[in-house]
Amino acid sequence: MLIGLLKKLYRKLFPVRIRGKENIIDINSKYSGFTIDIYGDSNIVRINQTCVLKNTHIYIYGNGAEVIISSRTRFLGPCVIYIYDGGSLYVGENVGIRGVSMEIGGGESITIGDNSMFSYGITLRNHDSHKVIDYNSGRVINPAKPIKIGKHVWVCKNVTILKGVEVGNDSVLGYGALVTNNVPANTIAAGVPAVIVKESITWDY
């Protein structure tokens, strides 16, 4: 029990652990309660000083990844972010995230626009983990694809957003939605799989 407490204290005092070279880490956040583990070279992590990171864990495996978190953004947790093989995460200003799991791979990105709001139990995956290969050509037919969330998007509890999806500004993703296709701006998408259930909307806090 004492060893476990000492390990927790150590990570609180030294939240960033790097096993690699030529990584650039620029973390100005005043708030603790996060850890970052990097296993690779030439990765970049920049977190603005006005950000809040609580109960948040970022793992980077491989080389050339980039994490940019802009001003006044809040990760309140539980949040876990895995980045593989040069993937990238870009989070805009004044974004509120309660609980999210992200997996970013294949050299592709997840982008979240300014003033967006995320509830709990949300999953974003821009890859399929394993390759599906065309038997005749040997070509990989399920490559990773970017996910792009626009500005002022409300993502409700237990939503899953899969690779290649683009969500337009001022939209809402309803409770438990499985989002596999693009969602136009100013719409509500809900269901499994998600479909447009309302158009010409916006939302407020």
N, C-alpha and C. Protein backbone atom coordinates (compact mmCIF):
# COMPACT_ATOMS: atom_id res chain seq x y z
N MET A 1 0.84 -1.21 0.00
CA MET A 1 0.00 0.00 0.00
C MET A 1 0.87 1.26 0.00
N LEU A 2 1.94 1.24 0.80
CA LEU A 2 2.85 2.39 0.86
C LEU A 2 3.52 2.61 -0.48
N ILE A 3 3.92 1.51 -1.16
CA ILE A 3 4.56 1.64 -2.47
C ILE A 3 3.61 2.27 -3.47
N GLY A 4 2.34 1.85 -3.43
CA GLY A 4 1.35 2.43 -4.32
C GLY A 4 1.17 3.92 -4.09
N LEU A 5 1.13 4.33 -2.84
CA LEU A 5 1.00 5.76 -2.52
C LEU A 5 2.21 6.55 -2.99
N LEU A 6 3.39 5.97 -2.83
CA LEU A 6 4.61 6.64 -3.27
C LEU A 6 4.64 6.80 -4.79
N LYS A 7 4.15 5.79 -5.51
CA LYS A 7 4.09 5.88 -6.97
C LYS A 7 3.13 6.98 -7.41
N LYS A 8 1.99 7.07 -6.74
CA LYS A 8 1.02 8.12 -7.07
C LYS A 8 1.60 9.51 -6.78
N LEU A 9 2.30 9.64 -5.67
CA LEU A 9 2.92 10.91 -5.33
C LEU A 9 3.99 11.28 -6.35
N TYR A 10 4.76 10.31 -6.76
CA TYR A 10 5.81 10.56 -7.76
C TYR A 10 5.22 11.05 -9.07
N ARG A 11 4.15 10.40 -9.54
CA ARG A 11 3.53 10.83 -10.80
C ARG A 11 2.88 12.20 -10.68
N LYS A 12 2.40 12.52 -9.49
CA LYS A 12 1.82 13.84 -9.28
C LYS A 12 2.90 14.92 -9.36
N LEU A 13 4.06 14.61 -8.80
CA LEU A 13 5.17 15.57 -8.82
C LEU A 13 5.86 15.61 -10.19
N PHE A 14 5.87 14.47 -10.88
CA PHE A 14 6.55 14.37 -12.17
C PHE A 14 5.59 13.71 -13.17
N PRO A 15 4.61 14.48 -13.66
CA PRO A 15 3.55 13.88 -14.49
C PRO A 15 3.97 13.49 -15.90
N VAL A 16 5.13 14.00 -16.37
CA VAL A 16 5.57 13.71 -17.74
C VAL A 16 6.72 12.71 -17.70
N ARG A 17 6.56 11.62 -18.45
CA ARG A 17 7.60 10.61 -18.53
C ARG A 17 7.93 10.40 -20.00
N ILE A 18 9.22 10.52 -20.34
CA ILE A 18 9.65 10.46 -21.75
C ILE A 18 10.69 9.37 -21.91
N ARG A 19 10.46 8.51 -22.88
CA ARG A 19 11.45 7.52 -23.28
C ARG A 19 11.67 7.68 -24.78
N GLY A 20 12.57 8.57 -25.11
CA GLY A 20 12.85 8.89 -26.50
C GLY A 20 13.71 10.12 -26.58
N LYS A 21 13.89 10.65 -27.77
CA LYS A 21 14.76 11.81 -27.96
C LYS A 21 14.10 12.83 -28.86
N GLU A 22 14.56 14.07 -28.72
CA GLU A 22 14.11 15.21 -29.55
C GLU A 22 12.62 15.43 -29.47
N ASN A 23 12.04 15.16 -28.31
CA ASN A 23 10.63 15.49 -28.08
C ASN A 23 10.54 16.91 -27.54
N ILE A 24 9.48 17.63 -27.95
CA ILE A 24 9.26 19.00 -27.50
C ILE A 24 8.02 19.01 -26.60
N ILE A 25 8.21 19.37 -25.35
CA ILE A 25 7.12 19.39 -24.37
C ILE A 25 6.98 20.81 -23.84
N ASP A 26 5.84 21.42 -24.09
CA ASP A 26 5.58 22.79 -23.66
C ASP A 26 4.25 22.80 -22.92
N ILE A 27 4.29 22.55 -21.63
CA ILE A 27 3.08 22.43 -20.82
C ILE A 27 3.09 23.56 -19.80
N ASN A 28 2.17 24.48 -19.94
CA ASN A 28 2.11 25.63 -19.06
C ASN A 28 0.94 25.57 -18.08
N SER A 29 0.17 24.50 -18.15
CA SER A 29 -1.00 24.40 -17.27
C SER A 29 -0.59 24.41 -15.80
N LYS A 30 -1.29 25.18 -15.00
CA LYS A 30 -1.02 25.27 -13.57
C LYS A 30 -1.64 24.11 -12.79
N TYR A 31 -2.49 23.35 -13.44
CA TYR A 31 -3.27 22.35 -12.74
C TYR A 31 -2.64 20.97 -12.86
N SER A 32 -2.65 20.22 -11.78
CA SER A 32 -2.13 18.86 -11.80
C SER A 32 -3.28 17.89 -12.00
N GLY A 33 -2.97 16.60 -11.89
CA GLY A 33 -4.01 15.59 -12.07
C GLY A 33 -3.98 14.98 -13.44
N PHE A 34 -2.85 15.10 -14.17
CA PHE A 34 -2.71 14.49 -15.48
C PHE A 34 -1.36 13.80 -15.56
N THR A 35 -1.24 12.86 -16.50
CA THR A 35 0.04 12.24 -16.80
C THR A 35 0.21 12.18 -18.31
N ILE A 36 1.46 12.27 -18.74
CA ILE A 36 1.81 12.13 -20.15
C ILE A 36 2.97 11.16 -20.24
N ASP A 37 2.81 10.10 -21.02
CA ASP A 37 3.86 9.11 -21.23
C ASP A 37 4.19 9.07 -22.72
N ILE A 38 5.45 9.28 -23.05
CA ILE A 38 5.89 9.31 -24.44
C ILE A 38 6.93 8.21 -24.64
N TYR A 39 6.67 7.36 -25.63
CA TYR A 39 7.59 6.29 -26.00
C TYR A 39 7.94 6.47 -27.48
N GLY A 40 8.88 7.34 -27.78
CA GLY A 40 9.25 7.60 -29.16
C GLY A 40 9.99 8.91 -29.30
N ASP A 41 10.27 9.28 -30.54
CA ASP A 41 11.10 10.44 -30.84
C ASP A 41 10.32 11.50 -31.61
N SER A 42 10.79 12.75 -31.47
CA SER A 42 10.32 13.88 -32.28
C SER A 42 8.82 14.11 -32.17
N ASN A 43 8.27 13.91 -30.98
CA ASN A 43 6.87 14.21 -30.73
C ASN A 43 6.74 15.61 -30.11
N ILE A 44 5.60 16.24 -30.31
CA ILE A 44 5.37 17.60 -29.82
C ILE A 44 4.10 17.63 -28.98
N VAL A 45 4.21 18.19 -27.77
CA VAL A 45 3.04 18.39 -26.91
C VAL A 45 3.06 19.83 -26.44
N ARG A 46 2.01 20.61 -26.77
CA ARG A 46 1.88 22.00 -26.34
C ARG A 46 0.52 22.18 -25.70
N ILE A 47 0.52 22.56 -24.42
CA ILE A 47 -0.72 22.76 -23.68
C ILE A 47 -0.71 24.17 -23.09
N ASN A 48 -1.72 24.95 -23.42
CA ASN A 48 -1.78 26.35 -23.00
C ASN A 48 -1.91 26.47 -21.49
N GLN A 49 -1.37 27.55 -20.94
CA GLN A 49 -1.34 27.74 -19.49
C GLN A 49 -2.71 27.93 -18.86
N THR A 50 -3.71 28.28 -19.66
CA THR A 50 -5.05 28.48 -19.11
C THR A 50 -5.89 27.20 -19.14
N CYS A 51 -5.29 26.08 -19.53
CA CYS A 51 -6.03 24.82 -19.60
C CYS A 51 -6.13 24.14 -18.23
N VAL A 52 -7.14 23.32 -18.10
CA VAL A 52 -7.31 22.47 -16.92
C VAL A 52 -7.22 21.02 -17.39
N LEU A 53 -6.36 20.24 -16.75
CA LEU A 53 -6.24 18.81 -17.06
C LEU A 53 -6.35 18.03 -15.76
N LYS A 54 -7.51 17.42 -15.54
CA LYS A 54 -7.74 16.60 -14.34
C LYS A 54 -8.09 15.19 -14.76
N ASN A 55 -7.54 14.23 -14.03
CA ASN A 55 -7.84 12.82 -14.31
C ASN A 55 -7.73 12.53 -15.80
N THR A 56 -6.63 12.99 -16.39
CA THR A 56 -6.39 12.89 -17.83
C THR A 56 -5.04 12.24 -18.07
N HIS A 57 -5.02 11.27 -18.98
CA HIS A 57 -3.79 10.52 -19.26
C HIS A 57 -3.56 10.47 -20.77
N ILE A 58 -2.39 10.89 -21.19
CA ILE A 58 -2.03 10.92 -22.60
C ILE A 58 -0.85 9.98 -22.82
N TYR A 59 -1.02 9.05 -23.77
CA TYR A 59 0.03 8.10 -24.10
C TYR A 59 0.39 8.26 -25.58
N ILE A 60 1.66 8.46 -25.85
CA ILE A 60 2.14 8.59 -27.23
C ILE A 60 3.13 7.46 -27.50
N TYR A 61 2.82 6.66 -28.54
CA TYR A 61 3.68 5.56 -28.94
C TYR A 61 4.14 5.80 -30.38
N GLY A 62 5.45 5.88 -30.58
CA GLY A 62 5.97 6.11 -31.93
C GLY A 62 6.52 7.51 -32.09
N ASN A 63 6.74 7.89 -33.33
CA ASN A 63 7.45 9.13 -33.64
C ASN A 63 6.57 10.12 -34.39
N GLY A 64 6.85 11.41 -34.17
CA GLY A 64 6.23 12.46 -34.98
C GLY A 64 4.80 12.80 -34.65
N ALA A 65 4.33 12.47 -33.45
CA ALA A 65 2.97 12.83 -33.05
C ALA A 65 2.93 14.29 -32.61
N GLU A 66 1.71 14.86 -32.62
CA GLU A 66 1.55 16.24 -32.19
C GLU A 66 0.26 16.38 -31.38
N VAL A 67 0.37 17.02 -30.21
CA VAL A 67 -0.79 17.32 -29.38
C VAL A 67 -0.78 18.82 -29.11
N ILE A 68 -1.81 19.52 -29.57
CA ILE A 68 -1.94 20.96 -29.36
C ILE A 68 -3.28 21.21 -28.67
N ILE A 69 -3.25 21.74 -27.46
CA ILE A 69 -4.47 22.06 -26.71
C ILE A 69 -4.48 23.55 -26.44
N SER A 70 -5.48 24.24 -26.96
CA SER A 70 -5.51 25.70 -26.94
C SER A 70 -6.05 26.23 -25.62
N SER A 71 -6.16 27.55 -25.54
CA SER A 71 -6.45 28.23 -24.27
C SER A 71 -7.86 27.93 -23.76
N ARG A 72 -7.98 27.94 -22.42
CA ARG A 72 -9.24 27.83 -21.68
C ARG A 72 -9.98 26.52 -21.93
N THR A 73 -9.26 25.50 -22.37
CA THR A 73 -9.87 24.19 -22.58
C THR A 73 -9.75 23.35 -21.31
N ARG A 74 -10.79 22.55 -21.02
CA ARG A 74 -10.87 21.82 -19.77
C ARG A 74 -11.10 20.33 -20.03
N PHE A 75 -10.14 19.52 -19.66
CA PHE A 75 -10.30 18.07 -19.61
C PHE A 75 -10.52 17.71 -18.14
N LEU A 76 -11.73 17.31 -17.78
CA LEU A 76 -12.06 17.09 -16.39
C LEU A 76 -12.09 15.61 -16.02
N GLY A 77 -12.08 14.74 -16.99
CA GLY A 77 -11.88 13.32 -16.76
C GLY A 77 -13.11 12.57 -16.27
N PRO A 78 -13.00 11.24 -16.38
CA PRO A 78 -11.81 10.50 -16.80
C PRO A 78 -11.58 10.59 -18.31
N CYS A 79 -10.36 10.98 -18.69
CA CYS A 79 -9.99 11.11 -20.09
C CYS A 79 -8.72 10.31 -20.36
N VAL A 80 -8.74 9.49 -21.41
CA VAL A 80 -7.57 8.72 -21.81
C VAL A 80 -7.37 8.91 -23.30
N ILE A 81 -6.15 9.29 -23.69
CA ILE A 81 -5.84 9.57 -25.09
C ILE A 81 -4.64 8.72 -25.49
N TYR A 82 -4.82 7.89 -26.53
CA TYR A 82 -3.74 7.08 -27.07
C TYR A 82 -3.43 7.57 -28.48
N ILE A 83 -2.16 7.83 -28.74
CA ILE A 83 -1.73 8.28 -30.06
C ILE A 83 -0.62 7.36 -30.55
N TYR A 84 -0.82 6.81 -31.77
CA TYR A 84 0.13 5.87 -32.34
C TYR A 84 0.64 6.39 -33.69
N ASP A 85 1.89 6.06 -33.99
CA ASP A 85 2.42 6.18 -35.34
C ASP A 85 2.21 7.55 -35.97
N GLY A 86 2.53 8.60 -35.22
CA GLY A 86 2.50 9.93 -35.80
C GLY A 86 1.13 10.56 -35.91
N GLY A 87 0.15 10.09 -35.16
CA GLY A 87 -1.16 10.74 -35.15
C GLY A 87 -1.11 12.09 -34.46
N SER A 88 -2.19 12.88 -34.62
CA SER A 88 -2.21 14.24 -34.06
C SER A 88 -3.56 14.54 -33.44
N LEU A 89 -3.52 15.34 -32.37
CA LEU A 89 -4.73 15.84 -31.71
C LEU A 89 -4.65 17.34 -31.62
N TYR A 90 -5.67 18.03 -32.15
CA TYR A 90 -5.75 19.49 -32.10
C TYR A 90 -7.07 19.86 -31.43
N VAL A 91 -7.00 20.56 -30.31
CA VAL A 91 -8.19 20.96 -29.57
C VAL A 91 -8.22 22.48 -29.51
N GLY A 92 -9.35 23.07 -29.92
CA GLY A 92 -9.49 24.53 -29.99
C GLY A 92 -9.67 25.17 -28.63
N GLU A 93 -10.09 26.41 -28.65
CA GLU A 93 -10.24 27.20 -27.43
C GLU A 93 -11.58 26.96 -26.75
N ASN A 94 -11.56 27.05 -25.41
CA ASN A 94 -12.78 26.99 -24.59
C ASN A 94 -13.60 25.73 -24.87
N VAL A 95 -12.92 24.60 -24.95
CA VAL A 95 -13.59 23.31 -25.12
C VAL A 95 -13.72 22.65 -23.75
N GLY A 96 -14.90 22.10 -23.44
CA GLY A 96 -15.12 21.41 -22.18
C GLY A 96 -15.33 19.93 -22.42
N ILE A 97 -14.50 19.09 -21.80
CA ILE A 97 -14.57 17.64 -21.99
C ILE A 97 -14.65 16.98 -20.63
N ARG A 98 -15.74 16.28 -20.37
CA ARG A 98 -15.91 15.61 -19.08
C ARG A 98 -15.22 14.24 -19.07
N GLY A 99 -15.60 13.36 -19.98
CA GLY A 99 -15.01 12.03 -20.01
C GLY A 99 -14.95 11.49 -21.42
N VAL A 100 -13.72 11.19 -21.88
CA VAL A 100 -13.56 10.77 -23.27
C VAL A 100 -12.41 9.79 -23.39
N SER A 101 -12.55 8.86 -24.33
CA SER A 101 -11.47 7.97 -24.73
C SER A 101 -11.20 8.22 -26.20
N MET A 102 -9.93 8.52 -26.53
CA MET A 102 -9.55 8.77 -27.93
C MET A 102 -8.44 7.81 -28.33
N GLU A 103 -8.56 7.27 -29.54
CA GLU A 103 -7.48 6.49 -30.14
C GLU A 103 -7.19 7.08 -31.50
N ILE A 104 -5.93 7.51 -31.67
CA ILE A 104 -5.54 8.24 -32.88
C ILE A 104 -4.33 7.54 -33.47
N GLY A 105 -4.45 7.09 -34.71
CA GLY A 105 -3.35 6.35 -35.31
C GLY A 105 -3.24 6.57 -36.80
N GLY A 106 -2.32 5.84 -37.40
CA GLY A 106 -2.16 5.86 -38.85
C GLY A 106 -1.71 7.18 -39.42
N GLY A 107 -1.07 8.02 -38.61
CA GLY A 107 -0.62 9.31 -39.12
C GLY A 107 -1.74 10.30 -39.36
N GLU A 108 -2.95 10.00 -38.94
CA GLU A 108 -4.10 10.88 -39.13
C GLU A 108 -4.40 11.65 -37.85
N SER A 109 -5.46 12.47 -37.86
CA SER A 109 -5.69 13.41 -36.77
C SER A 109 -7.13 13.36 -36.26
N ILE A 110 -7.29 13.88 -35.05
CA ILE A 110 -8.60 14.27 -34.53
C ILE A 110 -8.52 15.75 -34.21
N THR A 111 -9.49 16.52 -34.73
CA THR A 111 -9.54 17.97 -34.53
C THR A 111 -10.87 18.33 -33.88
N ILE A 112 -10.82 19.15 -32.83
CA ILE A 112 -12.03 19.58 -32.12
C ILE A 112 -12.06 21.10 -32.13
N GLY A 113 -13.15 21.68 -32.62
CA GLY A 113 -13.26 23.12 -32.79
C GLY A 113 -13.57 23.86 -31.51
N ASP A 114 -13.40 25.17 -31.55
CA ASP A 114 -13.62 26.05 -30.40
C ASP A 114 -15.04 25.89 -29.83
N ASN A 115 -15.14 26.06 -28.51
CA ASN A 115 -16.43 26.17 -27.80
C ASN A 115 -17.28 24.91 -27.88
N SER A 116 -16.66 23.77 -28.14
CA SER A 116 -17.42 22.52 -28.15
C SER A 116 -17.54 21.96 -26.74
N MET A 117 -18.51 21.08 -26.55
CA MET A 117 -18.80 20.55 -25.22
C MET A 117 -19.02 19.04 -25.31
N PHE A 118 -18.28 18.28 -24.49
CA PHE A 118 -18.35 16.83 -24.48
C PHE A 118 -18.81 16.35 -23.10
N SER A 119 -19.75 15.41 -23.09
CA SER A 119 -20.21 14.82 -21.84
C SER A 119 -19.31 13.65 -21.44
N TYR A 120 -19.87 12.64 -20.76
CA TYR A 120 -19.12 11.47 -20.29
C TYR A 120 -19.25 10.30 -21.26
N GLY A 121 -18.33 9.34 -21.11
CA GLY A 121 -18.45 8.06 -21.80
C GLY A 121 -18.34 8.14 -23.31
N ILE A 122 -17.61 9.13 -23.81
CA ILE A 122 -17.52 9.37 -25.25
C ILE A 122 -16.27 8.71 -25.81
N THR A 123 -16.39 8.10 -26.99
CA THR A 123 -15.28 7.43 -27.65
C THR A 123 -15.07 8.01 -29.05
N LEU A 124 -13.82 8.32 -29.38
CA LEU A 124 -13.44 8.73 -30.73
C LEU A 124 -12.31 7.82 -31.19
N ARG A 125 -12.48 7.19 -32.34
CA ARG A 125 -11.46 6.30 -32.90
C ARG A 125 -11.30 6.60 -34.38
N ASN A 126 -10.07 6.91 -34.80
CA ASN A 126 -9.86 7.22 -36.21
C ASN A 126 -9.20 6.07 -36.96
N HIS A 127 -9.17 4.89 -36.35
CA HIS A 127 -8.58 3.73 -37.02
C HIS A 127 -9.26 2.47 -36.48
N ASP A 128 -8.96 1.33 -37.12
CA ASP A 128 -9.62 0.07 -36.78
C ASP A 128 -8.73 -0.88 -35.99
N SER A 129 -7.57 -0.44 -35.57
CA SER A 129 -6.61 -1.24 -34.80
C SER A 129 -5.87 -2.29 -35.65
N HIS A 130 -6.60 -3.04 -36.46
CA HIS A 130 -5.98 -4.08 -37.27
C HIS A 130 -6.27 -3.84 -38.75
N LYS A 131 -5.38 -4.34 -39.60
CA LYS A 131 -5.50 -4.12 -41.04
C LYS A 131 -6.43 -5.16 -41.67
N VAL A 132 -7.28 -4.68 -42.56
CA VAL A 132 -8.04 -5.56 -43.44
C VAL A 132 -7.40 -5.44 -44.82
N ILE A 133 -7.02 -6.57 -45.39
CA ILE A 133 -6.20 -6.57 -46.61
C ILE A 133 -6.96 -7.26 -47.74
N ASP A 134 -6.98 -6.61 -48.89
CA ASP A 134 -7.57 -7.22 -50.08
C ASP A 134 -6.73 -8.45 -50.47
N TYR A 135 -7.41 -9.57 -50.60
CA TYR A 135 -6.70 -10.83 -50.81
C TYR A 135 -5.90 -10.84 -52.11
N ASN A 136 -6.45 -10.26 -53.17
CA ASN A 136 -5.81 -10.32 -54.49
C ASN A 136 -4.67 -9.32 -54.67
N SER A 137 -4.87 -8.08 -54.18
CA SER A 137 -3.87 -7.03 -54.41
C SER A 137 -2.91 -6.84 -53.25
N GLY A 138 -3.28 -7.33 -52.06
CA GLY A 138 -2.45 -7.09 -50.90
C GLY A 138 -2.61 -5.69 -50.33
N ARG A 139 -3.57 -4.93 -50.85
CA ARG A 139 -3.76 -3.55 -50.43
C ARG A 139 -4.60 -3.47 -49.16
N VAL A 140 -4.18 -2.58 -48.24
CA VAL A 140 -4.95 -2.35 -47.03
C VAL A 140 -6.21 -1.56 -47.39
N ILE A 141 -7.36 -2.05 -47.03
CA ILE A 141 -8.62 -1.42 -47.45
C ILE A 141 -9.34 -0.71 -46.30
N ASN A 142 -8.71 -0.66 -45.14
CA ASN A 142 -9.34 0.07 -44.02
C ASN A 142 -8.34 1.03 -43.37
N PRO A 143 -7.77 1.95 -44.13
CA PRO A 143 -6.78 2.86 -43.55
C PRO A 143 -7.42 3.81 -42.54
N ALA A 144 -6.58 4.34 -41.67
CA ALA A 144 -7.04 5.37 -40.73
C ALA A 144 -7.51 6.60 -41.49
N LYS A 145 -8.47 7.32 -40.91
CA LYS A 145 -8.98 8.56 -41.51
C LYS A 145 -9.17 9.60 -40.41
N PRO A 146 -9.07 10.87 -40.75
CA PRO A 146 -9.23 11.91 -39.73
C PRO A 146 -10.67 12.03 -39.23
N ILE A 147 -10.80 12.56 -38.04
CA ILE A 147 -12.09 12.97 -37.48
C ILE A 147 -12.02 14.47 -37.26
N LYS A 148 -13.04 15.18 -37.71
CA LYS A 148 -13.06 16.63 -37.54
C LYS A 148 -14.38 17.06 -36.91
N ILE A 149 -14.29 17.61 -35.70
CA ILE A 149 -15.45 18.15 -34.99
C ILE A 149 -15.41 19.66 -35.13
N GLY A 150 -16.50 20.24 -35.63
CA GLY A 150 -16.52 21.68 -35.87
C GLY A 150 -16.60 22.51 -34.60
N LYS A 151 -16.87 23.78 -34.76
CA LYS A 151 -16.98 24.70 -33.63
C LYS A 151 -18.38 24.60 -33.00
N HIS A 152 -18.41 24.76 -31.66
CA HIS A 152 -19.67 24.81 -30.93
C HIS A 152 -20.53 23.57 -31.21
N VAL A 153 -19.92 22.41 -31.02
CA VAL A 153 -20.62 21.13 -31.18
C VAL A 153 -20.85 20.53 -29.79
N TRP A 154 -22.05 20.07 -29.55
CA TRP A 154 -22.42 19.44 -28.28
C TRP A 154 -22.47 17.93 -28.51
N VAL A 155 -21.59 17.20 -27.81
CA VAL A 155 -21.53 15.74 -27.91
C VAL A 155 -22.08 15.17 -26.60
N CYS A 156 -23.23 14.53 -26.68
CA CYS A 156 -23.91 14.04 -25.48
C CYS A 156 -23.27 12.75 -24.96
N LYS A 157 -23.77 12.27 -23.85
CA LYS A 157 -23.20 11.12 -23.15
C LYS A 157 -23.22 9.86 -24.03
N ASN A 158 -22.15 9.06 -23.90
CA ASN A 158 -22.04 7.73 -24.52
C ASN A 158 -22.05 7.75 -26.05
N VAL A 159 -21.65 8.84 -26.64
CA VAL A 159 -21.54 8.92 -28.10
C VAL A 159 -20.24 8.27 -28.56
N THR A 160 -20.29 7.58 -29.70
CA THR A 160 -19.09 7.03 -30.35
C THR A 160 -18.96 7.65 -31.73
N ILE A 161 -17.79 8.18 -32.03
CA ILE A 161 -17.52 8.80 -33.33
C ILE A 161 -16.38 8.03 -33.98
N LEU A 162 -16.63 7.51 -35.18
CA LEU A 162 -15.64 6.67 -35.85
C LEU A 162 -14.93 7.42 -36.98
N LYS A 163 -13.96 6.77 -37.55
CA LYS A 163 -13.03 7.40 -38.49
C LYS A 163 -13.74 7.98 -39.71
N GLY A 164 -13.15 9.07 -40.23
CA GLY A 164 -13.65 9.70 -41.44
C GLY A 164 -14.83 10.63 -41.25
N VAL A 165 -15.28 10.81 -40.02
CA VAL A 165 -16.47 11.62 -39.76
C VAL A 165 -16.11 13.10 -39.64
N GLU A 166 -16.96 13.92 -40.22
CA GLU A 166 -16.85 15.37 -40.07
C GLU A 166 -18.17 15.88 -39.52
N VAL A 167 -18.12 16.62 -38.42
CA VAL A 167 -19.33 17.16 -37.78
C VAL A 167 -19.31 18.67 -37.95
N GLY A 168 -20.36 19.23 -38.53
CA GLY A 168 -20.42 20.66 -38.80
C GLY A 168 -20.65 21.50 -37.56
N ASN A 169 -20.41 22.79 -37.68
CA ASN A 169 -20.56 23.73 -36.57
C ASN A 169 -21.99 23.74 -36.02
N ASP A 170 -22.11 24.03 -34.73
CA ASP A 170 -23.40 24.25 -34.06
C ASP A 170 -24.32 23.04 -34.10
N SER A 171 -23.74 21.85 -34.15
CA SER A 171 -24.55 20.63 -34.20
C SER A 171 -24.59 19.93 -32.85
N VAL A 172 -25.50 18.95 -32.74
CA VAL A 172 -25.67 18.16 -31.52
C VAL A 172 -25.66 16.69 -31.90
N LEU A 173 -24.87 15.90 -31.15
CA LEU A 173 -24.87 14.44 -31.31
C LEU A 173 -25.58 13.86 -30.10
N GLY A 174 -26.73 13.24 -30.33
CA GLY A 174 -27.61 12.81 -29.25
C GLY A 174 -27.08 11.64 -28.45
N TYR A 175 -27.67 11.43 -27.29
CA TYR A 175 -27.26 10.40 -26.33
C TYR A 175 -27.10 9.04 -26.99
N GLY A 176 -25.90 8.45 -26.81
CA GLY A 176 -25.67 7.09 -27.28
C GLY A 176 -25.52 6.94 -28.78
N ALA A 177 -25.39 8.02 -29.52
CA ALA A 177 -25.31 7.94 -30.98
C ALA A 177 -24.02 7.24 -31.42
N LEU A 178 -24.12 6.47 -32.49
CA LEU A 178 -22.96 5.87 -33.16
C LEU A 178 -22.79 6.61 -34.47
N VAL A 179 -21.80 7.49 -34.54
CA VAL A 179 -21.66 8.40 -35.67
C VAL A 179 -20.64 7.82 -36.65
N THR A 180 -21.13 7.40 -37.82
CA THR A 180 -20.27 6.78 -38.83
C THR A 180 -20.23 7.59 -40.12
N ASN A 181 -21.11 8.59 -40.25
CA ASN A 181 -21.16 9.43 -41.45
C ASN A 181 -21.13 10.90 -41.05
N ASN A 182 -20.84 11.76 -42.01
CA ASN A 182 -20.76 13.19 -41.74
C ASN A 182 -22.08 13.74 -41.22
N VAL A 183 -21.97 14.75 -40.35
CA VAL A 183 -23.14 15.42 -39.79
C VAL A 183 -23.08 16.88 -40.21
N PRO A 184 -24.06 17.37 -40.97
CA PRO A 184 -24.01 18.76 -41.43
C PRO A 184 -24.13 19.76 -40.28
N ALA A 185 -23.74 20.98 -40.52
CA ALA A 185 -23.87 22.05 -39.53
C ALA A 185 -25.33 22.27 -39.17
N ASN A 186 -25.56 22.71 -37.92
CA ASN A 186 -26.89 23.10 -37.44
C ASN A 186 -27.92 21.98 -37.51
N THR A 187 -27.48 20.76 -37.17
CA THR A 187 -28.39 19.63 -37.16
C THR A 187 -28.22 18.83 -35.87
N ILE A 188 -29.23 17.99 -35.57
CA ILE A 188 -29.14 17.01 -34.50
C ILE A 188 -29.07 15.63 -35.13
N ALA A 189 -28.07 14.84 -34.74
CA ALA A 189 -27.95 13.46 -35.21
C ALA A 189 -28.08 12.54 -34.00
N ALA A 190 -28.85 11.46 -34.16
CA ALA A 190 -29.07 10.53 -33.06
C ALA A 190 -29.31 9.14 -33.63
N GLY A 191 -29.12 8.12 -32.77
CA GLY A 191 -29.43 6.75 -33.16
C GLY A 191 -28.20 5.92 -33.45
N VAL A 192 -28.46 4.62 -33.72
CA VAL A 192 -27.39 3.65 -34.01
C VAL A 192 -27.74 2.91 -35.29
N PRO A 193 -27.12 3.24 -36.42
CA PRO A 193 -26.17 4.34 -36.59
C PRO A 193 -26.91 5.68 -36.60
N ALA A 194 -26.16 6.76 -36.37
CA ALA A 194 -26.78 8.08 -36.24
C ALA A 194 -27.35 8.55 -37.57
N VAL A 195 -28.52 9.17 -37.50
CA VAL A 195 -29.14 9.83 -38.66
C VAL A 195 -29.58 11.22 -38.23
N ILE A 196 -29.82 12.07 -39.19
CA ILE A 196 -30.25 13.44 -38.90
C ILE A 196 -31.72 13.41 -38.47
N VAL A 197 -32.00 13.93 -37.28
CA VAL A 197 -33.38 13.93 -36.78
C VAL A 197 -33.96 15.34 -36.70
N LYS A 198 -33.12 16.36 -36.81
CA LYS A 198 -33.61 17.74 -36.77
C LYS A 198 -32.62 18.63 -37.48
N GLU A 199 -33.14 19.59 -38.25
CA GLU A 199 -32.29 20.52 -38.99
C GLU A 199 -32.56 21.94 -38.53
N SER A 200 -31.71 22.85 -38.97
CA SER A 200 -31.86 24.29 -38.70
C SER A 200 -31.91 24.59 -37.20
N ILE A 201 -30.96 24.04 -36.45
CA ILE A 201 -30.91 24.29 -35.01
C ILE A 201 -29.58 24.90 -34.64
N THR A 202 -29.56 25.45 -33.44
CA THR A 202 -28.32 25.74 -32.75
C THR A 202 -28.57 25.40 -31.29
N TRP A 203 -27.61 25.63 -30.40
CA TRP A 203 -27.82 25.28 -29.00
C TRP A 203 -27.07 26.27 -28.12
N ASP A 204 -27.39 26.26 -26.83
CA ASP A 204 -26.77 27.19 -25.89
C ASP A 204 -26.46 26.46 -24.61
N TYR A 205 -25.57 27.03 -23.80
CA TYR A 205 -25.22 26.47 -22.50
C TYR A 205 -26.32 26.77 -21.50
